[in-house]
Protein backbone atom coordinates (compact mmCIF):
# COMPACT_ATOMS: atom_id res chain seq x y z
CA MET A 1 4.28 52.60 -7.99
CA PRO A 2 5.46 49.42 -5.59
CA LEU A 3 6.40 46.64 -7.86
CA ALA A 4 3.64 44.26 -6.37
CA LEU A 5 0.75 46.86 -7.26
CA ALA A 6 2.42 47.37 -10.68
CA ARG A 7 1.98 43.50 -11.25
CA TRP A 8 -1.48 43.68 -9.90
CA THR A 9 -2.14 46.56 -12.49
CA ARG A 10 -0.91 44.56 -15.81
CA ARG A 11 -2.88 41.68 -14.93
CA ALA A 12 -5.47 40.58 -17.20
CA ALA A 13 -8.34 38.83 -16.53
CA PRO A 14 -8.49 35.28 -16.16
CA PRO A 15 -9.09 33.58 -19.69
CA ARG A 16 -12.54 32.50 -20.11
CA PRO A 17 -11.82 28.87 -19.87
CA LEU A 18 -10.82 29.43 -16.23
CA LEU A 19 -13.80 31.10 -15.27
CA ALA A 20 -16.13 28.61 -16.89
CA ARG A 21 -14.53 25.47 -15.53
CA ALA A 22 -14.94 27.76 -12.09
CA ALA A 23 -18.52 28.12 -12.92
CA ARG A 24 -18.59 24.68 -13.75
CA GLY A 25 -17.01 23.27 -10.68
CA HIS A 26 -19.32 25.51 -8.27
CA ALA A 27 -22.48 24.08 -10.10
CA GLU A 28 -21.12 20.78 -9.94
CA ARG A 29 -20.68 20.98 -6.01
CA ALA A 30 -23.76 22.30 -5.72
CA LEU A 31 -25.75 19.72 -7.83
CA LEU A 32 -23.85 16.95 -5.72
CA ARG A 33 -24.73 19.02 -2.55
CA ALA A 34 -28.50 19.04 -3.64
CA ALA A 35 -28.11 14.68 -4.54
CA ARG A 36 -27.23 13.95 -1.21
CA GLU A 37 -29.77 15.66 0.61
CA GLN A 38 -32.33 13.94 -2.06
CA PHE A 39 -30.68 10.63 -1.08
CA LEU A 40 -31.07 11.31 2.37
CA ARG A 41 -34.53 12.38 1.95
CA LEU A 42 -35.81 9.49 -0.30
CA GLN A 43 -34.50 7.34 2.19
CA SER A 44 -36.12 8.43 4.64
CA ALA A 45 -39.43 8.73 2.74
CA TRP A 46 -39.17 5.01 1.65
CA ASP A 47 -38.04 4.01 5.17
CA ALA A 48 -41.46 5.33 6.36
CA ALA A 49 -43.56 4.56 3.23
CA ASP A 50 -44.29 8.45 2.77
CA LEU A 51 -46.26 7.93 -0.35
CA ASP A 52 -46.69 11.45 -0.57
CA THR A 53 -42.61 12.69 -0.50
CA LEU A 54 -41.77 9.83 -3.14
CA ARG A 55 -44.13 11.22 -5.51
CA ARG A 56 -42.41 14.65 -5.01
CA LEU A 57 -38.78 13.51 -5.35
CA THR A 58 -39.09 10.79 -8.07
CA THR A 59 -40.58 11.01 -11.41
CA GLU A 60 -44.00 9.30 -12.30
CA ASP A 61 -42.54 6.19 -13.73
CA MET A 62 -40.14 5.89 -10.78
CA PHE A 63 -42.79 6.45 -8.14
CA GLU A 64 -44.99 3.65 -9.91
CA GLU A 65 -42.04 1.32 -9.58
CA LEU A 66 -41.06 2.13 -5.91
CA ALA A 67 -44.50 2.38 -4.87
CA ALA A 68 -45.56 -1.20 -6.44
CA GLU A 69 -42.31 -2.74 -4.42
CA LEU A 70 -43.64 -1.36 -0.95
CA PRO A 71 -45.99 -4.06 -0.20
CA ALA A 72 -42.94 -6.65 -0.86
CA ARG A 73 -41.26 -4.97 2.00
CA GLY A 74 -43.76 -6.14 4.36
CA HIS A 75 -45.61 -4.31 7.25
CA GLU A 76 -42.50 -3.90 9.84
CA PRO A 77 -41.36 -0.17 9.85
CA ASN A 78 -37.72 0.46 7.73
CA ARG A 79 -35.33 2.06 9.29
CA THR A 80 -31.68 2.46 7.56
CA GLU A 81 -28.99 4.88 9.00
CA VAL A 82 -26.65 6.02 6.50
CA LEU A 83 -23.61 5.93 8.50
CA ALA A 84 -21.09 7.25 5.30
CA LEU A 85 -22.40 9.04 1.98
CA GLU A 86 -20.31 9.77 -1.26
CA ALA A 87 -21.63 11.16 -4.57
CA HIS A 88 -19.58 11.55 -7.89
CA LEU A 89 -20.91 12.88 -10.79
CA ILE A 90 -20.98 10.72 -13.80
CA ALA A 91 -22.33 12.53 -16.58
CA PHE A 92 -24.20 15.65 -17.28
CA GLU A 93 -26.49 16.31 -20.43
CA ALA A 94 -29.55 17.71 -21.94
CA VAL A 95 -31.70 15.44 -23.50
CA GLY A 96 -34.83 17.62 -25.15
CA PRO A 97 -36.69 19.40 -22.88
CA LEU A 98 -34.54 17.83 -19.98
CA GLU A 99 -31.47 17.83 -18.21
CA LEU A 100 -30.20 14.79 -16.89
CA ALA A 101 -27.58 13.71 -14.24
CA SER A 102 -26.32 10.23 -13.63
CA ILE A 103 -24.70 10.12 -9.90
CA GLU A 104 -22.92 7.49 -8.47
CA PHE A 105 -23.68 7.22 -4.51
CA SER A 106 -21.25 4.64 -2.74
CA GLY A 107 -21.20 3.98 1.11
CA VAL A 108 -22.09 2.51 4.04
CA VAL A 109 -25.36 1.71 5.45
CA ARG A 110 -26.93 -0.11 8.40
CA GLU A 111 -30.47 -1.19 7.31
CA SER A 112 -31.39 -2.57 11.14
CA ALA A 113 -29.88 -3.18 14.59
CA ARG A 114 -29.34 -6.80 13.81
CA ARG A 115 -27.51 -6.34 11.15
CA GLY A 116 -24.17 -5.40 10.67
CA PRO A 117 -23.24 -1.95 8.33
CA ALA A 118 -22.90 -2.92 4.48
CA PRO A 119 -21.53 -1.48 2.02
CA PHE A 120 -23.17 0.26 -0.88
CA ARG A 121 -22.85 1.41 -4.61
CA GLU A 122 -25.85 3.01 -6.51
CA VAL A 123 -26.03 5.06 -10.20
CA TRP A 124 -28.79 7.14 -9.60
CA MET A 125 -30.16 9.12 -12.66
CA LEU A 126 -31.72 12.23 -11.82
CA ALA A 127 -34.21 14.46 -14.20
CA ARG A 128 -35.42 18.09 -14.11
CA ARG A 129 -36.51 20.65 -16.77
CA PRO A 130 -34.20 23.72 -16.40
CA GLY A 131 -34.80 26.90 -14.88
CA GLY A 132 -34.93 25.51 -11.31
CA GLU A 133 -37.03 22.63 -10.95
CA ALA A 134 -35.78 20.37 -8.19
CA TRP A 135 -34.10 17.31 -9.36
CA ARG A 136 -36.38 13.88 -9.43
CA LEU A 137 -35.07 10.63 -9.42
CA ALA A 138 -35.66 9.02 -12.53
CA ARG A 139 -33.86 5.85 -12.33
CA GLN A 140 -32.01 3.50 -10.03
CA GLN A 141 -29.56 0.68 -10.84
CA ALA A 142 -27.46 -0.89 -7.32
CA LEU A 143 -23.72 -1.72 -8.46
CA MET A 144 -23.33 -4.10 -5.50
């Protein structure tokens, strides 16, 4: 038997912690990809004052908060251009019947043609019930 093949056949399965880390890494990447998509959809819904989409993408409390803020924005259409967007998982936990993920978003946006690009940094708490339910924005906190 060739030496390389002999070494291959003697290898044991990778230790469980390595597999668990790989699975966690895959789950984290999927969560962050979904969070970035959620950020962009929510920003677009906010700009369009699309209450139906805002309701679908947020918890009831968060929706009420956002809906109350819309009139203060005025009647002028909003257009936010997301020039750069990074997402980092800060925490993930199960609390009662919910899974909660805290995501730090940072990047650069331009909120009108008259203004230059501006950096931003926010923490969003996303919530869902386990089992495939979509993540919904539960809390949002600007950091800068």
